[in-house]
Amino acid sequence: MKRVTFAMGLVTALSTATPALAAGPWSAPQPFTGAALSGQQLLALPGGGVAVSANTGLGLLTHPGANPTIVAPIGFTAVVSPAGVLGAPAALGDGLAVNALMPLADGRTAAIGTIGPNNHLVSAAGAAGERFADLGALGVARGFVVAARQGAVLVRRCLGRFCARVDLVVVRRRGGRWATPRAITRPGTATGVRSGDVAKLPGGELAFAYEREHAIYERRLTPSGRLSPAQRVGAGVQSHPSIAPGGGHRVIVAWGWQRVSEGDALSPFAARVACSSAIGHFGGHPRDLGSVPVTGTGRYVDGPGVVLRQDDAGRSTLAWTGYQDGRFVVRTGPLSRTCAIAPQTIAVPGADVVLGDLAVGPSGRATLALVAGRRGADAPNGAPAESVFGLLAAQRADPAAPFSGPALVSAPGAFAVDPAVAIDRASGRSVLAWRDVSTGVQLSTAP
């Protein structure tokens, strides 16, 4: 009965939409290093500034009369100062493609990624190209980085030829050294073990959320190395889970899921969130945040679908892609420890909009990245027409304030891909990075 009451309250709260496009404070888009870059990542550095990375695309280099040669991607990193000035990018050696950025206790920034394209050796390097770890020597010879946060790297490890079986392992950095990888899941099929996320709880305990065999699970690893039994949180297919501390032994897991095959949305998109009890147990009944009933080619929900972020006080903000009045919209709002939420709807009249990313600063200031003009993943072919194309952003001053109306950040009509946003811890300035399919990786900042 409580679930019915929650759903009725949710529908009522979603009836209020944000105003249309606002005049924004965003700077003119600035290119990062060139049109060949993609896979952009942002990280707010503990001492101020925002690290940014991007990779040269994997491709074929051909010569007359010669066979095509596979070119390994190379990652580039730079730092945006608290004043919003982009520093000179530096190339990482040995073909390292950056998958995630992570601050280290000694003040350096780790660029965690893969050396490819053949062996996919999971490695770490410094922001200026200094190589200080090859995780392959620790038993992760082939794999792909899933998440890297707070001294822990979660890797989807390949087992056997052609990655026929995979598992998830965590590699912790303790005392300035990388520890031996610890398996979090049992081996499974390549389609059965997918993405995951990691969060650090009080006392140094790590909590993991991951998808395995069409379900979302949570388990924990203590500083002494004890691994808890896996808890089933709820159903999930092709999910991108987020996990965050909920205070004490509580944790919060949020995810969206949708069956997609070769660009076709085979099922509606569903957004869900689950909050554990005070002792860390899940009841097996996640709360449904809503769904997107649109299916078909190019109509799957692009991007993360659902994002959960926290400020330094542990206050949670949740955002997800939703649907209202025949249009894709974005929902967002503060989330309580019991999963109660009264979300705000961010919509653009005459346009579809999907969630790109969410960043929350130390005091609760937040910025949303929104992609307009995309009905799921692709622009509509025919009706309905789109009034706005490009990358938008909405901001809020503190957790109690609503988000502003969305403002256009990219050039009008831009086809923005994989936006990422971060908030500088020293100045509170927001940094947005995205790939424009015509001009390459772009950056913009706002107070």
Protein backbone atom coordinates (compact mmCIF):
# COMPACT_ATOMS: atom_id res chain seq x y z
CA MET A 1 0.00 0.00 0.00
CA LYS A 2 2.88 2.35 0.73
CA ARG A 3 4.23 1.82 -2.79
CA VAL A 4 0.86 2.93 -4.26
CA THR A 5 0.84 6.05 -2.11
CA PHE A 6 4.37 6.90 -3.20
CA ALA A 7 3.48 6.52 -6.87
CA MET A 8 0.44 8.78 -6.52
CA GLY A 9 2.53 11.43 -4.78
CA LEU A 10 5.18 11.14 -7.43
CA VAL A 11 2.76 11.80 -10.26
CA THR A 12 1.47 14.89 -8.49
CA ALA A 13 4.98 16.24 -7.95
CA LEU A 14 5.92 15.76 -11.60
CA SER A 15 3.13 17.98 -12.87
CA THR A 16 5.19 21.18 -12.42
CA ALA A 17 7.67 21.83 -15.24
CA THR A 18 10.73 24.06 -15.29
CA PRO A 19 10.57 27.24 -17.45
CA ALA A 20 11.87 27.16 -21.04
CA LEU A 21 15.42 28.12 -22.11
CA ALA A 22 17.06 30.67 -19.85
CA ALA A 23 19.85 33.14 -20.60
CA GLY A 24 22.85 31.24 -19.23
CA PRO A 25 26.25 32.30 -17.88
CA TRP A 26 28.18 29.72 -19.87
CA SER A 27 31.36 30.64 -21.75
CA ALA A 28 31.70 30.10 -25.49
CA PRO A 29 32.63 26.48 -26.32
CA GLN A 30 36.40 25.93 -26.44
CA PRO A 31 38.04 22.97 -28.22
CA PHE A 32 40.09 20.61 -26.07
CA THR A 33 42.81 19.25 -28.37
CA GLY A 34 41.31 18.29 -31.71
CA ALA A 35 38.43 16.79 -33.65
CA ALA A 36 39.74 13.22 -33.30
CA LEU A 37 39.21 13.08 -29.54
CA SER A 38 36.38 11.41 -27.65
CA GLY A 39 35.63 9.63 -24.38
CA GLN A 40 35.91 12.77 -22.26
CA GLN A 41 36.17 12.51 -18.46
CA LEU A 42 36.11 15.21 -15.75
CA LEU A 43 37.29 15.12 -12.13
CA ALA A 44 37.02 17.88 -9.52
CA LEU A 45 40.42 17.87 -7.79
CA PRO A 46 40.52 17.99 -3.97
CA GLY A 47 42.72 21.10 -3.91
CA GLY A 48 40.85 22.98 -6.63
CA GLY A 49 40.75 22.78 -10.40
CA VAL A 50 39.10 20.21 -12.67
CA ALA A 51 41.08 17.52 -14.48
CA VAL A 52 39.87 16.71 -17.98
CA SER A 53 40.84 13.85 -20.27
CA ALA A 54 39.95 12.64 -23.76
CA ASN A 55 41.26 9.98 -26.14
CA THR A 56 42.22 9.77 -29.77
CA GLY A 57 39.74 7.50 -31.51
CA LEU A 58 40.58 3.90 -32.31
CA GLY A 59 40.75 3.57 -36.07
CA LEU A 60 42.48 2.17 -39.15
CA LEU A 61 45.62 3.75 -40.60
CA THR A 62 45.96 2.77 -44.27
CA HIS A 63 48.85 3.14 -46.74
CA PRO A 64 48.80 2.46 -50.50
CA GLY A 65 49.52 -1.18 -51.13
CA ALA A 66 49.61 -2.06 -47.43
CA ASN A 67 47.19 -3.78 -45.13
CA PRO A 68 45.22 -1.57 -42.71
CA THR A 69 46.93 -1.07 -39.36
CA ILE A 70 45.00 -0.73 -36.12
CA VAL A 71 46.04 2.43 -34.30
CA ALA A 72 46.02 2.29 -30.49
CA PRO A 73 44.19 5.17 -28.80
CA ILE A 74 46.18 7.70 -26.77
CA GLY A 75 44.78 9.67 -23.85
CA PHE A 76 45.33 13.37 -23.23
CA THR A 77 44.88 15.13 -19.88
CA ALA A 78 44.77 18.77 -18.80
CA VAL A 79 43.52 20.86 -15.88
CA VAL A 80 40.93 23.63 -15.89
CA SER A 81 41.93 26.14 -13.20
CA PRO A 82 39.45 27.40 -10.57
CA ALA A 83 39.19 30.56 -12.70
CA GLY A 84 38.06 28.49 -15.70
CA VAL A 85 41.31 28.60 -17.72
CA LEU A 86 42.21 25.43 -19.66
CA GLY A 87 45.83 24.36 -19.33
CA ALA A 88 47.92 22.76 -22.06
CA PRO A 89 46.96 19.09 -22.63
CA ALA A 90 49.62 16.41 -22.09
CA ALA A 91 49.67 13.07 -23.90
CA LEU A 92 49.89 9.81 -21.95
CA GLY A 93 52.41 7.40 -23.38
CA ASP A 94 52.20 3.76 -24.45
CA GLY A 95 48.77 4.07 -26.03
CA LEU A 96 46.86 4.43 -22.76
CA ALA A 97 43.18 5.27 -23.37
CA VAL A 98 41.71 6.95 -20.30
CA ASN A 99 38.50 5.39 -18.93
CA ALA A 100 38.39 7.16 -15.56
CA LEU A 101 40.21 9.77 -13.48
CA MET A 102 40.84 9.29 -9.75
CA PRO A 103 42.63 11.44 -7.14
CA LEU A 104 45.31 9.73 -5.07
CA ALA A 105 46.17 10.31 -1.42
CA ASP A 106 49.62 11.66 -2.37
CA GLY A 107 48.09 14.50 -4.40
CA ARG A 108 48.57 13.01 -7.85
CA THR A 109 45.78 12.24 -10.30
CA ALA A 110 45.53 8.70 -11.65
CA ALA A 111 44.38 8.23 -15.21
CA ILE A 112 42.99 4.70 -15.18
CA GLY A 113 42.45 3.05 -18.54
CA THR A 114 43.35 0.38 -21.04
CA ILE A 115 46.25 -0.13 -23.39
CA GLY A 116 44.88 -1.40 -26.64
CA PRO A 117 43.61 -2.43 -28.88
CA ASN A 118 44.75 -6.02 -28.52
CA ASN A 119 45.71 -6.84 -24.94
CA HIS A 120 43.57 -4.31 -23.04
CA LEU A 121 46.09 -4.11 -20.22
CA VAL A 122 44.47 -2.18 -17.37
CA SER A 123 46.91 0.48 -16.22
CA ALA A 124 47.31 3.72 -14.29
CA ALA A 125 49.36 6.78 -15.16
CA GLY A 126 50.01 10.25 -13.79
CA ALA A 127 48.45 13.33 -15.32
CA ALA A 128 51.75 14.26 -17.02
CA GLY A 129 52.37 10.84 -18.53
CA GLU A 130 54.17 9.23 -15.58
CA ARG A 131 53.43 5.51 -15.56
CA PHE A 132 53.25 4.16 -12.01
CA ALA A 133 51.17 1.00 -12.24
CA ASP A 134 50.44 -1.82 -14.66
CA LEU A 135 47.56 -3.65 -13.08
CA GLY A 136 48.13 -6.53 -15.46
CA ALA A 137 51.07 -7.52 -13.29
CA LEU A 138 48.57 -7.99 -10.46
CA GLY A 139 46.44 -10.46 -12.40
CA VAL A 140 44.20 -8.18 -14.51
CA ALA A 141 45.89 -8.76 -17.85
CA ARG A 142 42.75 -8.05 -19.89
CA GLY A 143 39.79 -6.00 -18.82
CA PHE A 144 37.90 -2.75 -18.96
CA VAL A 145 37.56 -0.12 -16.25
CA VAL A 146 34.00 0.16 -14.93
CA ALA A 147 34.48 2.73 -12.14
CA ALA A 148 37.33 4.39 -10.25
CA ARG A 149 36.54 6.22 -7.03
CA GLN A 150 38.15 6.95 -3.67
CA GLY A 151 41.14 4.65 -4.03
CA ALA A 152 39.30 1.72 -5.62
CA VAL A 153 39.19 0.66 -9.28
CA LEU A 154 36.40 -1.67 -10.39
CA VAL A 155 37.36 -3.68 -13.48
CA ARG A 156 35.33 -5.95 -15.74
CA ARG A 157 37.98 -8.65 -16.21
CA CYS A 158 38.14 -10.85 -19.30
CA LEU A 159 38.54 -14.58 -18.68
CA GLY A 160 39.36 -17.01 -21.45
CA ARG A 161 39.72 -16.43 -25.14
CA PHE A 162 37.68 -13.59 -26.68
CA CYS A 163 36.34 -12.66 -23.22
CA ALA A 164 33.84 -15.51 -23.33
CA ARG A 165 33.52 -15.22 -19.55
CA VAL A 166 34.01 -12.18 -17.34
CA ASP A 167 33.91 -11.16 -13.69
CA LEU A 168 34.21 -7.95 -11.70
CA VAL A 169 37.32 -7.37 -9.60
CA VAL A 170 38.36 -4.45 -7.41
CA VAL A 171 41.91 -3.16 -7.14
CA ARG A 172 42.50 -0.99 -4.07
CA ARG A 173 45.26 1.54 -3.58
CA ARG A 174 46.49 1.39 0.03
CA GLY A 175 49.60 2.98 1.50
CA GLY A 176 50.74 4.21 -1.92
CA ARG A 177 50.60 0.72 -3.46
CA TRP A 178 48.05 -1.20 -5.53
CA ALA A 179 46.76 -4.25 -3.67
CA THR A 180 46.09 -7.67 -5.17
CA PRO A 181 42.78 -7.67 -7.11
CA ARG A 182 39.77 -9.10 -5.28
CA ALA A 183 36.94 -10.77 -7.20
CA ILE A 184 33.53 -9.26 -6.42
CA THR A 185 31.44 -11.58 -8.61
CA ARG A 186 31.60 -15.15 -9.78
CA PRO A 187 32.57 -15.55 -13.45
CA GLY A 188 29.68 -15.27 -15.86
CA THR A 189 28.90 -14.74 -19.51
CA ALA A 190 29.91 -11.52 -21.24
CA THR A 191 26.28 -10.46 -21.34
CA GLY A 192 25.59 -11.63 -17.79
CA VAL A 193 28.17 -9.55 -15.90
CA ARG A 194 27.95 -5.90 -16.87
CA SER A 195 28.54 -2.51 -15.31
CA GLY A 196 28.96 -1.53 -11.67
CA ASP A 197 29.83 1.25 -9.24
CA VAL A 198 31.73 1.60 -5.96
CA ALA A 199 31.42 3.89 -2.92
CA LYS A 200 33.40 4.25 0.30
CA LEU A 201 31.47 3.99 3.57
CA PRO A 202 32.48 5.18 7.07
CA GLY A 203 35.43 3.26 8.43
CA GLY A 204 36.86 2.53 4.98
CA GLU A 205 34.38 -0.17 3.95
CA LEU A 206 33.69 -0.35 0.21
CA ALA A 207 30.18 -0.93 -1.17
CA PHE A 208 29.58 -2.21 -4.69
CA ALA A 209 26.50 -2.21 -6.90
CA TYR A 210 26.59 -4.25 -10.09
CA GLU A 211 24.47 -6.11 -12.61
CA ARG A 212 24.73 -9.87 -12.91
CA GLU A 213 22.37 -12.14 -14.83
CA HIS A 214 19.60 -9.51 -15.20
CA ALA A 215 19.58 -8.36 -11.58
CA ILE A 216 21.23 -5.62 -9.51
CA TYR A 217 23.29 -6.80 -6.52
CA GLU A 218 25.07 -5.08 -3.65
CA ARG A 219 27.94 -6.34 -1.53
CA ARG A 220 30.69 -4.91 0.64
CA LEU A 221 34.40 -5.31 1.28
CA THR A 222 35.84 -4.42 4.69
CA PRO A 223 39.31 -2.88 5.14
CA SER A 224 40.48 -6.24 6.50
CA GLY A 225 39.39 -7.98 3.28
CA ARG A 226 36.14 -9.63 4.37
CA LEU A 227 33.59 -9.79 1.55
CA SER A 228 29.90 -9.80 2.53
CA PRO A 229 27.31 -12.03 0.83
CA ALA A 230 25.71 -10.51 -2.25
CA GLN A 231 22.24 -8.97 -1.78
CA ARG A 232 19.77 -8.84 -4.64
CA VAL A 233 18.44 -5.27 -4.87
CA GLY A 234 16.09 -5.59 -7.85
CA ALA A 235 15.74 -6.50 -11.51
CA GLY A 236 17.97 -4.81 -14.06
CA VAL A 237 18.94 -5.43 -17.68
CA GLN A 238 21.74 -3.49 -19.43
CA SER A 239 21.85 -1.20 -16.41
CA HIS A 240 24.20 1.53 -15.22
CA PRO A 241 23.90 1.44 -11.41
CA SER A 242 25.02 4.22 -9.06
CA ILE A 243 25.74 3.63 -5.37
CA ALA A 244 26.25 6.12 -2.52
CA PRO A 245 26.48 6.06 1.29
CA GLY A 246 23.23 6.63 3.15
CA GLY A 247 24.71 7.29 6.59
CA GLY A 248 26.10 4.64 8.95
CA HIS A 249 25.60 1.23 7.35
CA ARG A 250 22.94 2.51 4.94
CA VAL A 251 23.54 2.60 1.20
CA ILE A 252 21.51 3.91 -1.72
CA VAL A 253 21.45 2.24 -5.14
CA ALA A 254 19.88 3.84 -8.22
CA TRP A 255 19.72 2.51 -11.76
CA GLY A 256 17.88 2.56 -15.05
CA TRP A 257 17.38 -0.43 -17.29
CA GLN A 258 16.15 -1.18 -20.79
CA ARG A 259 16.57 -4.03 -23.26
CA VAL A 260 18.47 -2.75 -26.31
CA SER A 261 19.71 -4.72 -29.33
CA GLU A 262 21.67 -3.19 -32.23
CA GLY A 263 20.22 0.25 -31.58
CA ASP A 264 16.63 -0.92 -31.09
CA ALA A 265 14.82 -0.26 -27.82
CA LEU A 266 13.04 -3.57 -27.19
CA SER A 267 11.42 -2.53 -23.91
CA PRO A 268 10.44 0.67 -22.11
CA PHE A 269 13.11 2.40 -20.01
CA ALA A 270 12.57 2.07 -16.25
CA ALA A 271 14.24 4.14 -13.49
CA ARG A 272 14.51 2.74 -9.96
CA VAL A 273 16.06 3.51 -6.59
CA ALA A 274 16.51 1.39 -3.45
CA CYS A 275 17.55 2.42 0.06
CA SER A 276 18.83 -0.12 2.55
CA SER A 277 17.78 -0.37 6.19
CA ALA A 278 19.91 1.07 9.01
CA ILE A 279 21.82 -2.21 9.20
CA GLY A 280 22.40 -2.33 5.43
CA HIS A 281 19.72 -4.81 4.35
CA PHE A 282 17.56 -4.39 1.24
CA GLY A 283 13.95 -5.51 1.27
CA GLY A 284 13.88 -6.50 -2.40
CA HIS A 285 11.28 -3.88 -3.33
CA PRO A 286 12.95 -0.93 -5.10
CA ARG A 287 10.88 2.17 -5.78
CA ASP A 288 9.83 2.81 -9.37
CA LEU A 289 10.62 6.39 -10.37
CA GLY A 290 8.83 6.18 -13.70
CA SER A 291 9.29 4.82 -17.20
CA VAL A 292 9.71 5.92 -20.81
CA PRO A 293 7.25 3.90 -22.94
CA VAL A 294 8.86 4.71 -26.31
CA THR A 295 10.51 1.80 -28.17
CA GLY A 296 11.98 1.24 -31.62
CA THR A 297 15.15 2.04 -33.55
CA GLY A 298 17.21 4.78 -31.93
CA ARG A 299 14.63 5.31 -29.21
CA TYR A 300 16.58 3.80 -26.32
CA VAL A 301 17.51 6.22 -23.54
CA ASP A 302 21.02 7.42 -24.30
CA GLY A 303 23.51 8.35 -21.61
CA PRO A 304 23.48 7.20 -17.99
CA GLY A 305 19.67 7.21 -17.64
CA VAL A 306 19.93 7.62 -13.85
CA VAL A 307 22.62 9.47 -11.84
CA LEU A 308 23.03 9.64 -8.04
CA ARG A 309 25.43 12.20 -6.52
CA GLN A 310 26.20 13.52 -3.02
CA ASP A 311 27.70 16.63 -1.42
CA ASP A 312 30.26 16.63 1.40
CA ALA A 313 27.49 16.48 4.02
CA GLY A 314 26.16 13.23 2.51
CA ARG A 315 23.00 14.80 1.06
CA SER A 316 21.89 12.95 -2.08
CA THR A 317 20.58 14.33 -5.36
CA LEU A 318 19.00 12.01 -7.92
CA ALA A 319 18.34 12.69 -11.61
CA TRP A 320 16.90 10.52 -14.37
CA THR A 321 15.36 10.56 -17.83
CA GLY A 322 11.57 10.46 -17.75
CA TYR A 323 8.55 10.98 -19.98
CA GLN A 324 5.66 13.42 -19.87
CA ASP A 325 3.01 14.56 -22.36
CA GLY A 326 4.61 12.66 -25.24
CA ARG A 327 8.11 14.04 -24.65
CA PHE A 328 11.34 12.88 -23.04
CA VAL A 329 12.06 15.00 -19.93
CA VAL A 330 14.50 15.00 -17.01
CA ARG A 331 13.46 14.58 -13.37
CA THR A 332 15.63 15.58 -10.42
CA GLY A 333 15.48 16.36 -6.72
CA PRO A 334 16.94 15.76 -3.26
CA LEU A 335 16.62 12.14 -2.10
CA SER A 336 16.11 11.24 1.56
CA ARG A 337 17.66 8.24 3.33
CA THR A 338 14.31 6.45 3.00
CA CYS A 339 14.14 7.09 -0.75
CA ALA A 340 11.47 9.80 -0.47
CA ILE A 341 11.68 12.34 -3.28
CA ALA A 342 9.50 15.13 -4.68
CA PRO A 343 11.20 15.66 -8.04
CA GLN A 344 11.26 18.67 -10.30
CA THR A 345 10.59 18.21 -14.01
CA ILE A 346 12.98 19.88 -16.43
CA ALA A 347 11.39 20.15 -19.86
CA VAL A 348 11.79 22.25 -23.00
CA PRO A 349 8.58 23.13 -24.87
CA GLY A 350 8.53 21.46 -28.27
CA ALA A 351 11.66 19.40 -27.66
CA ASP A 352 12.79 16.09 -26.19
CA VAL A 353 15.55 16.20 -23.56
CA VAL A 354 17.57 13.38 -21.97
CA LEU A 355 19.90 13.32 -18.98
CA GLY A 356 23.59 13.74 -19.79
CA ASP A 357 25.25 14.03 -16.37
CA LEU A 358 24.91 15.51 -12.88
CA ALA A 359 27.55 17.10 -10.64
CA VAL A 360 27.10 18.17 -7.01
CA GLY A 361 29.60 20.43 -5.27
CA PRO A 362 30.79 20.26 -1.65
CA SER A 363 27.97 22.49 -0.32
CA GLY A 364 25.19 21.04 -2.48
CA ARG A 365 25.45 23.38 -5.45
CA ALA A 366 24.57 21.29 -8.53
CA THR A 367 24.69 21.35 -12.32
CA LEU A 368 22.75 19.17 -14.74
CA ALA A 369 23.90 18.44 -18.30
CA LEU A 370 20.97 17.89 -20.66
CA VAL A 371 20.89 16.85 -24.32
CA ALA A 372 18.02 18.41 -26.29
CA GLY A 373 16.58 17.36 -29.63
CA ARG A 374 17.17 13.64 -29.15
CA ARG A 375 14.19 11.35 -28.81
CA GLY A 376 16.10 8.81 -26.78
CA ALA A 377 19.37 8.36 -28.67
CA ASP A 378 18.59 9.75 -32.12
CA ALA A 379 16.87 12.83 -33.41
CA PRO A 380 13.30 12.12 -34.59
CA ASN A 381 12.82 11.29 -38.24
CA GLY A 382 9.67 13.28 -38.97
CA ALA A 383 7.08 13.99 -36.26
CA PRO A 384 7.37 15.21 -33.60
CA ALA A 385 9.58 18.10 -34.63
CA GLU A 386 12.24 19.42 -32.24
CA SER A 387 12.41 23.11 -31.28
CA VAL A 388 15.92 22.90 -29.80
CA PHE A 389 19.04 20.88 -30.62
CA GLY A 390 22.21 20.94 -28.56
CA LEU A 391 23.67 20.66 -25.09
CA LEU A 392 21.85 22.46 -22.26
CA ALA A 393 22.62 22.97 -18.58
CA ALA A 394 20.56 23.78 -15.49
CA GLN A 395 21.97 24.89 -12.14
CA ARG A 396 20.88 25.20 -8.53
CA ALA A 397 22.52 27.18 -5.72
CA ASP A 398 21.87 24.73 -2.85
CA PRO A 399 19.91 21.53 -2.08
CA ALA A 400 16.81 23.47 -1.00
CA ALA A 401 16.62 25.50 -4.22
CA PRO A 402 15.08 24.33 -7.51
CA PHE A 403 17.12 24.06 -10.68
CA SER A 404 17.09 27.01 -13.03
CA GLY A 405 15.57 26.86 -16.45
CA PRO A 406 17.93 25.13 -18.91
CA ALA A 407 20.38 27.31 -20.84
CA LEU A 408 22.03 26.50 -24.17
CA VAL A 409 25.75 25.69 -23.74
CA SER A 410 26.81 24.26 -27.10
CA ALA A 411 26.48 25.92 -30.48
CA PRO A 412 22.84 25.88 -31.65
CA GLY A 413 22.06 22.70 -33.56
CA ALA A 414 25.09 20.79 -32.24
CA PHE A 415 24.86 17.01 -31.93
CA ALA A 416 26.42 16.60 -28.47
CA VAL A 417 27.65 13.19 -27.33
CA ASP A 418 28.59 11.89 -23.85
CA PRO A 419 28.51 15.13 -21.83
CA ALA A 420 30.36 15.22 -18.50
CA VAL A 421 30.11 17.90 -15.80
CA ALA A 422 32.15 18.72 -12.69
CA ILE A 423 32.12 21.51 -10.09
CA ASP A 424 35.42 23.04 -8.95
CA ARG A 425 35.80 22.57 -5.20
CA ALA A 426 37.66 25.87 -4.71
CA SER A 427 35.66 28.34 -6.80
CA GLY A 428 32.31 26.56 -7.28
CA ARG A 429 32.67 27.03 -11.05
CA SER A 430 31.01 24.38 -13.24
CA VAL A 431 32.90 22.76 -16.12
CA LEU A 432 31.11 20.97 -18.96
CA ALA A 433 32.81 18.74 -21.55
CA TRP A 434 31.18 17.00 -24.49
CA ARG A 435 31.96 15.73 -27.95
CA ASP A 436 30.46 17.59 -30.86
CA VAL A 437 30.31 15.16 -33.78
CA SER A 438 31.36 17.98 -36.13
CA THR A 439 34.07 19.78 -34.16
CA GLY A 440 35.39 17.32 -31.53
CA VAL A 441 35.64 17.66 -27.75
CA GLN A 442 34.43 21.01 -26.43
CA LEU A 443 34.60 22.70 -22.99
CA SER A 444 32.54 25.44 -21.38
CA THR A 445 32.51 26.91 -17.86
CA ALA A 446 30.07 28.90 -15.75
CA PRO A 447 30.22 30.54 -12.29
